[in-house]
Amino acid sequence: MFEEFGRLLIEGMSYNVKEVEKMRKYVATHNNAAKRDKWSRVECEVNINEDQSEFICECGHFEHTGMLCSHVLRVMDILHLEEIPVKHILKRWNTDARDILLQHLVHDQKDHSVNLSFTCRSSMLYQKAMEVEQMGDASAESFEHTFAGLEALLVSGAPLAQKRDGSGFEDLMASLGSGRFPGNGRLCLLGATGLTNAIVVGTLLV
């Protein structure tokens, strides 16, 4: 997590920031935009709410990974803000997280690959996806190789995905109108070393 944050912080130094509306709206543009690959995003708009407690970037990185993007970090640096807003510090990344699985998630599980909570499976996939993104964005050659591999994976994995076990994100969201899990409504996200280091991160919307 700290390595990824450091990478994003350094990446942010490659962006120039233009103020559109003081303390409300900024545009971050890559300082080498003309030479970036055509598929690379070179400009992002960052919006700040009225009390500066929330930063919203159109790249959607925070919403997808739970970590602030390089664009927001660069804007914060330009504004000389020394602390990350509390709203952007998710429990999964701090010391309040516990390296345990909830008992109701592991009780009587004979096949962990099938019976894992969807949040645990999703966390494993997101973790790997972040590694793949970092590798694929290293160079044009790496991008071509990684993209081709992902295309092949989508084709080979499609038949398996047709056999749903009911524990996937879409399936559970379709069956749960309240947006919370049965039981205590808490989620499980995996840590860096796998199932034994899963952590509790609160409600579904965290």
C-alpha atoms as a PDB file:
ATOM      1  CA  MET A   1       0.000   0.000   0.000  1.00  0.00           C
ATOM      2  CA  PHE A   2       2.770   2.453   0.946  1.00  0.00           C
ATOM      3  CA  GLU A   3       4.729   1.574  -2.194  1.00  0.00           C
ATOM      4  CA  GLU A   4       1.672   2.267  -4.351  1.00  0.00           C
ATOM      5  CA  PHE A   5       0.996   5.564  -2.561  1.00  0.00           C
ATOM      6  CA  GLY A   6       4.616   6.596  -3.061  1.00  0.00           C
ATOM      7  CA  ARG A   7       4.407   5.720  -6.743  1.00  0.00           C
ATOM      8  CA  LEU A   8       1.277   7.844  -7.165  1.00  0.00           C
ATOM      9  CA  LEU A   9       2.871  10.724  -5.267  1.00  0.00           C
ATOM     10  CA  ILE A  10       5.910  10.684  -7.560  1.00  0.00           C
ATOM     11  CA  GLU A  11       3.728  10.261 -10.645  1.00  0.00           C
ATOM     12  CA  GLY A  12       1.817  13.373  -9.623  1.00  0.00           C
ATOM     13  CA  MET A  13       4.968  15.462 -10.026  1.00  0.00           C
ATOM     14  CA  SER A  14       4.633  14.920 -13.786  1.00  0.00           C
ATOM     15  CA  TYR A  15       1.459  17.022 -13.889  1.00  0.00           C
ATOM     16  CA  ASN A  16       1.036  20.774 -14.238  1.00  0.00           C
ATOM     17  CA  VAL A  17      -1.979  22.187 -12.426  1.00  0.00           C
ATOM     18  CA  LYS A  18      -4.229  24.974 -13.697  1.00  0.00           C
ATOM     19  CA  GLU A  19      -6.629  26.724 -11.348  1.00  0.00           C
ATOM     20  CA  VAL A  20     -10.127  27.015 -12.829  1.00  0.00           C
ATOM     21  CA  GLU A  21     -11.914  28.108  -9.665  1.00  0.00           C
ATOM     22  CA  LYS A  22      -9.975  28.896  -6.484  1.00  0.00           C
ATOM     23  CA  MET A  23     -10.139  26.022  -3.974  1.00  0.00           C
ATOM     24  CA  ARG A  24     -12.921  24.386  -5.978  1.00  0.00           C
ATOM     25  CA  LYS A  25     -11.798  23.224  -9.431  1.00  0.00           C
ATOM     26  CA  TYR A  26      -8.405  22.405 -10.966  1.00  0.00           C
ATOM     27  CA  VAL A  27      -7.140  20.711 -14.130  1.00  0.00           C
ATOM     28  CA  ALA A  28      -4.044  18.507 -13.985  1.00  0.00           C
ATOM     29  CA  THR A  29      -2.232  18.114 -17.330  1.00  0.00           C
ATOM     30  CA  HIS A  30       0.728  15.823 -17.948  1.00  0.00           C
ATOM     31  CA  ASN A  31       3.833  17.918 -18.635  1.00  0.00           C
ATOM     32  CA  ASN A  32       4.795  15.646 -21.525  1.00  0.00           C
ATOM     33  CA  ALA A  33       1.314  15.246 -22.973  1.00  0.00           C
ATOM     34  CA  ALA A  34       2.386  15.575 -26.615  1.00  0.00           C
ATOM     35  CA  LYS A  35       4.694  12.568 -26.363  1.00  0.00           C
ATOM     36  CA  ARG A  36       2.384  10.319 -24.349  1.00  0.00           C
ATOM     37  CA  ASP A  37       0.851   7.286 -26.051  1.00  0.00           C
ATOM     38  CA  LYS A  38      -2.467   8.075 -27.697  1.00  0.00           C
ATOM     39  CA  TRP A  39      -4.317   5.761 -25.304  1.00  0.00           C
ATOM     40  CA  SER A  40      -2.905   7.534 -22.251  1.00  0.00           C
ATOM     41  CA  ARG A  41      -5.053  10.039 -20.395  1.00  0.00           C
ATOM     42  CA  VAL A  42      -3.126  13.307 -20.192  1.00  0.00           C
ATOM     43  CA  GLU A  43      -5.621  15.635 -18.491  1.00  0.00           C
ATOM     44  CA  CYS A  44      -7.994  15.254 -15.543  1.00  0.00           C
ATOM     45  CA  GLU A  45     -10.324  17.643 -13.740  1.00  0.00           C
ATOM     46  CA  VAL A  46     -10.211  17.676  -9.941  1.00  0.00           C
ATOM     47  CA  ASN A  47     -13.119  19.143  -7.981  1.00  0.00           C
ATOM     48  CA  ILE A  48     -13.069  20.051  -4.286  1.00  0.00           C
ATOM     49  CA  ASN A  49     -16.163  20.363  -2.124  1.00  0.00           C
ATOM     50  CA  GLU A  50     -16.982  23.519  -0.195  1.00  0.00           C
ATOM     51  CA  ASP A  51     -15.194  22.651   3.057  1.00  0.00           C
ATOM     52  CA  GLN A  52     -12.228  20.967   1.328  1.00  0.00           C
ATOM     53  CA  SER A  53     -13.101  17.629   2.948  1.00  0.00           C
ATOM     54  CA  GLU A  54     -13.448  15.749  -0.330  1.00  0.00           C
ATOM     55  CA  PHE A  55     -11.531  15.682  -3.617  1.00  0.00           C
ATOM     56  CA  ILE A  56     -13.209  14.217  -6.689  1.00  0.00           C
ATOM     57  CA  CYS A  57     -11.176  13.430  -9.804  1.00  0.00           C
ATOM     58  CA  GLU A  58     -12.810  12.440 -13.055  1.00  0.00           C
ATOM     59  CA  CYS A  59     -10.342   9.556 -13.446  1.00  0.00           C
ATOM     60  CA  GLY A  60     -12.277   7.643 -10.756  1.00  0.00           C
ATOM     61  CA  HIS A  61      -9.150   6.112  -9.217  1.00  0.00           C
ATOM     62  CA  PHE A  62     -10.255   6.638  -5.605  1.00  0.00           C
ATOM     63  CA  GLU A  63     -13.714   5.216  -6.241  1.00  0.00           C
ATOM     64  CA  HIS A  64     -12.147   2.157  -7.868  1.00  0.00           C
ATOM     65  CA  THR A  65      -9.182   1.435  -5.576  1.00  0.00           C
ATOM     66  CA  GLY A  66      -9.777   3.395  -2.382  1.00  0.00           C
ATOM     67  CA  MET A  67      -6.548   5.370  -2.869  1.00  0.00           C
ATOM     68  CA  LEU A  68      -6.218   8.976  -4.005  1.00  0.00           C
ATOM     69  CA  CYS A  69      -4.962   9.376  -7.562  1.00  0.00           C
ATOM     70  CA  SER A  70      -1.813  11.181  -8.676  1.00  0.00           C
ATOM     71  CA  HIS A  71      -3.923  14.099  -9.972  1.00  0.00           C
ATOM     72  CA  VAL A  72      -5.502  14.800  -6.571  1.00  0.00           C
ATOM     73  CA  LEU A  73      -2.184  14.355  -4.770  1.00  0.00           C
ATOM     74  CA  ARG A  74      -0.594  16.880  -7.121  1.00  0.00           C
ATOM     75  CA  VAL A  75      -3.385  19.398  -6.517  1.00  0.00           C
ATOM     76  CA  MET A  76      -3.015  18.922  -2.753  1.00  0.00           C
ATOM     77  CA  ASP A  77       0.722  19.519  -3.101  1.00  0.00           C
ATOM     78  CA  ILE A  78       0.164  22.727  -5.083  1.00  0.00           C
ATOM     79  CA  LEU A  79      -2.293  23.932  -2.432  1.00  0.00           C
ATOM     80  CA  HIS A  80       0.226  23.090   0.326  1.00  0.00           C
ATOM     81  CA  LEU A  81      -2.228  20.819   2.100  1.00  0.00           C
ATOM     82  CA  GLU A  82      -0.363  18.694   4.627  1.00  0.00           C
ATOM     83  CA  GLU A  83      -3.060  16.188   5.569  1.00  0.00           C
ATOM     84  CA  ILE A  84      -5.252  13.855   3.537  1.00  0.00           C
ATOM     85  CA  PRO A  85      -8.955  14.483   4.271  1.00  0.00           C
ATOM     86  CA  VAL A  86     -10.435  11.923   6.670  1.00  0.00           C
ATOM     87  CA  LYS A  87     -12.999  10.848   4.075  1.00  0.00           C
ATOM     88  CA  HIS A  88     -10.182   9.603   1.854  1.00  0.00           C
ATOM     89  CA  ILE A  89      -8.563   7.441   4.540  1.00  0.00           C
ATOM     90  CA  LEU A  90     -10.406   4.140   4.338  1.00  0.00           C
ATOM     91  CA  LYS A  91     -10.275   1.709   7.221  1.00  0.00           C
ATOM     92  CA  ARG A  92      -8.736  -0.959   5.008  1.00  0.00           C
ATOM     93  CA  TRP A  93      -5.535   1.117   4.814  1.00  0.00           C
ATOM     94  CA  ASN A  94      -5.080   2.040   8.485  1.00  0.00           C
ATOM     95  CA  THR A  95      -4.027   0.316  11.687  1.00  0.00           C
ATOM     96  CA  ASP A  96      -7.627  -0.204  12.836  1.00  0.00           C
ATOM     97  CA  ALA A  97      -7.985  -3.037  10.337  1.00  0.00           C
ATOM     98  CA  ARG A  98      -7.731  -6.525  11.817  1.00  0.00           C
ATOM     99  CA  ASP A  99      -5.943  -9.425  10.144  1.00  0.00           C
ATOM    100  CA  ILE A 100      -8.809 -11.844  10.660  1.00  0.00           C
ATOM    101  CA  LEU A 101     -11.654 -13.383   8.734  1.00  0.00           C
ATOM    102  CA  LEU A 102     -15.124 -13.096  10.199  1.00  0.00           C
ATOM    103  CA  GLN A 103     -16.152 -16.478  11.568  1.00  0.00           C
ATOM    104  CA  HIS A 104     -19.401 -16.579   9.628  1.00  0.00           C
ATOM    105  CA  LEU A 105     -17.371 -16.311   6.414  1.00  0.00           C
ATOM    106  CA  VAL A 106     -15.173 -19.329   7.101  1.00  0.00           C
ATOM    107  CA  HIS A 107     -17.603 -21.580   8.960  1.00  0.00           C
ATOM    108  CA  ASP A 108     -18.017 -24.955   7.274  1.00  0.00           C
ATOM    109  CA  GLN A 109     -16.229 -23.872   4.110  1.00  0.00           C
ATOM    110  CA  LYS A 110     -14.979 -26.918   2.215  1.00  0.00           C
ATOM    111  CA  ASP A 111     -13.938 -25.116  -0.951  1.00  0.00           C
ATOM    112  CA  HIS A 112     -12.534 -21.637  -0.266  1.00  0.00           C
ATOM    113  CA  SER A 113     -12.317 -20.785  -3.972  1.00  0.00           C
ATOM    114  CA  VAL A 114     -16.076 -21.260  -4.241  1.00  0.00           C
ATOM    115  CA  ASN A 115     -17.251 -20.119  -0.818  1.00  0.00           C
ATOM    116  CA  LEU A 116     -15.140 -17.022  -0.227  1.00  0.00           C
ATOM    117  CA  SER A 117     -17.179 -13.912   0.423  1.00  0.00           C
ATOM    118  CA  PHE A 118     -17.409 -11.936  -2.796  1.00  0.00           C
ATOM    119  CA  THR A 119     -15.616  -9.085  -1.070  1.00  0.00           C
ATOM    120  CA  CYS A 120     -12.612 -11.293  -0.419  1.00  0.00           C
ATOM    121  CA  ARG A 121     -12.573 -12.518  -4.005  1.00  0.00           C
ATOM    122  CA  SER A 122     -12.978  -8.985  -5.299  1.00  0.00           C
ATOM    123  CA  SER A 123     -10.165  -7.734  -3.106  1.00  0.00           C
ATOM    124  CA  MET A 124      -7.803 -10.395  -4.439  1.00  0.00           C
ATOM    125  CA  LEU A 125      -8.753  -9.485  -8.003  1.00  0.00           C
ATOM    126  CA  TYR A 126      -8.376  -5.741  -7.400  1.00  0.00           C
ATOM    127  CA  GLN A 127      -4.983  -6.270  -5.810  1.00  0.00           C
ATOM    128  CA  LYS A 128      -3.747  -8.201  -8.836  1.00  0.00           C
ATOM    129  CA  ALA A 129      -5.407  -5.754 -11.230  1.00  0.00           C
ATOM    130  CA  MET A 130      -3.432  -2.885  -9.686  1.00  0.00           C
ATOM    131  CA  GLU A 131      -0.209  -4.840 -10.193  1.00  0.00           C
ATOM    132  CA  VAL A 132      -1.151  -5.556 -13.809  1.00  0.00           C
ATOM    133  CA  GLU A 133      -1.969  -1.873 -14.443  1.00  0.00           C
ATOM    134  CA  GLN A 134       1.399  -0.795 -13.058  1.00  0.00           C
ATOM    135  CA  MET A 135       3.232  -3.360 -15.178  1.00  0.00           C
ATOM    136  CA  GLY A 136       1.275  -2.599 -18.346  1.00  0.00           C
ATOM    137  CA  ASP A 137       1.799   1.148 -18.037  1.00  0.00           C
ATOM    138  CA  ALA A 138       5.592   0.841 -17.817  1.00  0.00           C
ATOM    139  CA  SER A 139       6.183   1.112 -21.568  1.00  0.00           C
ATOM    140  CA  ALA A 140       4.465   0.800 -24.936  1.00  0.00           C
ATOM    141  CA  GLU A 141       5.819  -2.729 -25.352  1.00  0.00           C
ATOM    142  CA  SER A 142       4.662  -3.723 -21.885  1.00  0.00           C
ATOM    143  CA  PHE A 143       1.230  -2.257 -22.618  1.00  0.00           C
ATOM    144  CA  GLU A 144       0.844  -4.258 -25.828  1.00  0.00           C
ATOM    145  CA  HIS A 145       1.876  -7.476 -24.078  1.00  0.00           C
ATOM    146  CA  THR A 146      -0.355  -6.891 -21.047  1.00  0.00           C
ATOM    147  CA  PHE A 147      -3.360  -5.796 -23.104  1.00  0.00           C
ATOM    148  CA  ALA A 148      -3.082  -8.848 -25.356  1.00  0.00           C
ATOM    149  CA  GLY A 149      -2.905 -11.076 -22.287  1.00  0.00           C
ATOM    150  CA  LEU A 150      -6.021  -9.485 -20.807  1.00  0.00           C
ATOM    151  CA  GLU A 151      -7.899  -9.930 -24.075  1.00  0.00           C
ATOM    152  CA  ALA A 152      -6.949 -13.622 -24.119  1.00  0.00           C
ATOM    153  CA  LEU A 153      -7.987 -13.985 -20.471  1.00  0.00           C
ATOM    154  CA  LEU A 154     -11.402 -12.478 -21.177  1.00  0.00           C
ATOM    155  CA  VAL A 155     -11.953 -14.986 -23.968  1.00  0.00           C
ATOM    156  CA  SER A 156     -10.752 -18.043 -22.025  1.00  0.00           C
ATOM    157  CA  GLY A 157     -12.504 -17.031 -18.818  1.00  0.00           C
ATOM    158  CA  ALA A 158     -15.894 -16.184 -20.332  1.00  0.00           C
ATOM    159  CA  PRO A 159     -17.224 -19.794 -20.294  1.00  0.00           C
ATOM    160  CA  LEU A 160     -16.261 -20.181 -16.611  1.00  0.00           C
ATOM    161  CA  ALA A 161     -17.966 -16.910 -15.695  1.00  0.00           C
ATOM    162  CA  GLN A 162     -21.216 -18.223 -17.165  1.00  0.00           C
ATOM    163  CA  LYS A 163     -21.396 -20.758 -14.303  1.00  0.00           C
ATOM    164  CA  ARG A 164     -22.309 -18.360 -11.499  1.00  0.00           C
ATOM    165  CA  ASP A 165     -22.231 -19.499  -7.853  1.00  0.00           C
ATOM    166  CA  GLY A 166     -24.388 -16.648  -6.568  1.00  0.00           C
ATOM    167  CA  SER A 167     -21.591 -15.057  -4.515  1.00  0.00           C
ATOM    168  CA  GLY A 168     -20.435 -12.545  -7.110  1.00  0.00           C
ATOM    169  CA  PHE A 169     -20.780  -8.793  -6.663  1.00  0.00           C
ATOM    170  CA  GLU A 170     -23.558  -8.391  -9.229  1.00  0.00           C
ATOM    171  CA  ASP A 171     -25.499 -11.391  -7.909  1.00  0.00           C
ATOM    172  CA  LEU A 172     -25.381 -10.233  -4.295  1.00  0.00           C
ATOM    173  CA  MET A 173     -26.224  -6.654  -5.148  1.00  0.00           C
ATOM    174  CA  ALA A 174     -29.234  -7.864  -7.109  1.00  0.00           C
ATOM    175  CA  SER A 175     -30.459  -9.851  -4.106  1.00  0.00           C
ATOM    176  CA  LEU A 176     -29.672  -7.290  -1.413  1.00  0.00           C
ATOM    177  CA  GLY A 177     -31.725  -4.144  -1.748  1.00  0.00           C
ATOM    178  CA  SER A 178     -30.329  -2.605   1.440  1.00  0.00           C
ATOM    179  CA  GLY A 179     -26.724  -2.536   0.236  1.00  0.00           C
ATOM    180  CA  ARG A 180     -25.507  -4.490   3.264  1.00  0.00           C
ATOM    181  CA  PHE A 181     -24.561  -8.082   3.937  1.00  0.00           C
ATOM    182  CA  PRO A 182     -26.596 -10.535   5.984  1.00  0.00           C
ATOM    183  CA  GLY A 183     -25.454 -10.891   9.596  1.00  0.00           C
ATOM    184  CA  ASN A 184     -23.503  -7.913  10.883  1.00  0.00           C
ATOM    185  CA  GLY A 185     -23.185  -6.259   7.486  1.00  0.00           C
ATOM    186  CA  ARG A 186     -19.406  -6.169   7.541  1.00  0.00           C
ATOM    187  CA  LEU A 187     -17.035  -6.890   4.715  1.00  0.00           C
ATOM    188  CA  CYS A 188     -13.840  -8.828   4.365  1.00  0.00           C
ATOM    189  CA  LEU A 189     -10.921  -7.615   2.248  1.00  0.00           C
ATOM    190  CA  LEU A 190      -7.759  -9.610   1.781  1.00  0.00           C
ATOM    191  CA  GLY A 191      -4.364  -8.362   2.838  1.00  0.00           C
ATOM    192  CA  ALA A 192      -1.173  -8.635   0.825  1.00  0.00           C
ATOM    193  CA  THR A 193      -0.330 -12.177   1.939  1.00  0.00           C
ATOM    194  CA  GLY A 194      -3.602 -13.858   1.135  1.00  0.00           C
ATOM    195  CA  LEU A 195      -6.591 -15.401   2.877  1.00  0.00           C
ATOM    196  CA  THR A 196      -5.041 -15.695   6.335  1.00  0.00           C
ATOM    197  CA  ASN A 197      -4.495 -11.936   6.439  1.00  0.00           C
ATOM    198  CA  ALA A 198      -7.984 -10.850   5.435  1.00  0.00           C
ATOM    199  CA  ILE A 199      -9.157  -7.688   7.155  1.00  0.00           C
ATOM    200  CA  VAL A 200     -12.527  -6.364   8.233  1.00  0.00           C
ATOM    201  CA  VAL A 201     -13.266  -2.981   6.680  1.00  0.00           C
ATOM    202  CA  GLY A 202     -16.731  -2.044   7.842  1.00  0.00           C
ATOM    203  CA  THR A 203     -19.888  -1.675   5.782  1.00  0.00           C
ATOM    204  CA  LEU A 204     -20.317  -2.240   2.087  1.00  0.00           C
ATOM    205  CA  LEU A 205     -20.218   1.440   1.284  1.00  0.00           C
ATOM    206  CA  VAL A 206     -16.840   2.032   2.962  1.00  0.00           C
END
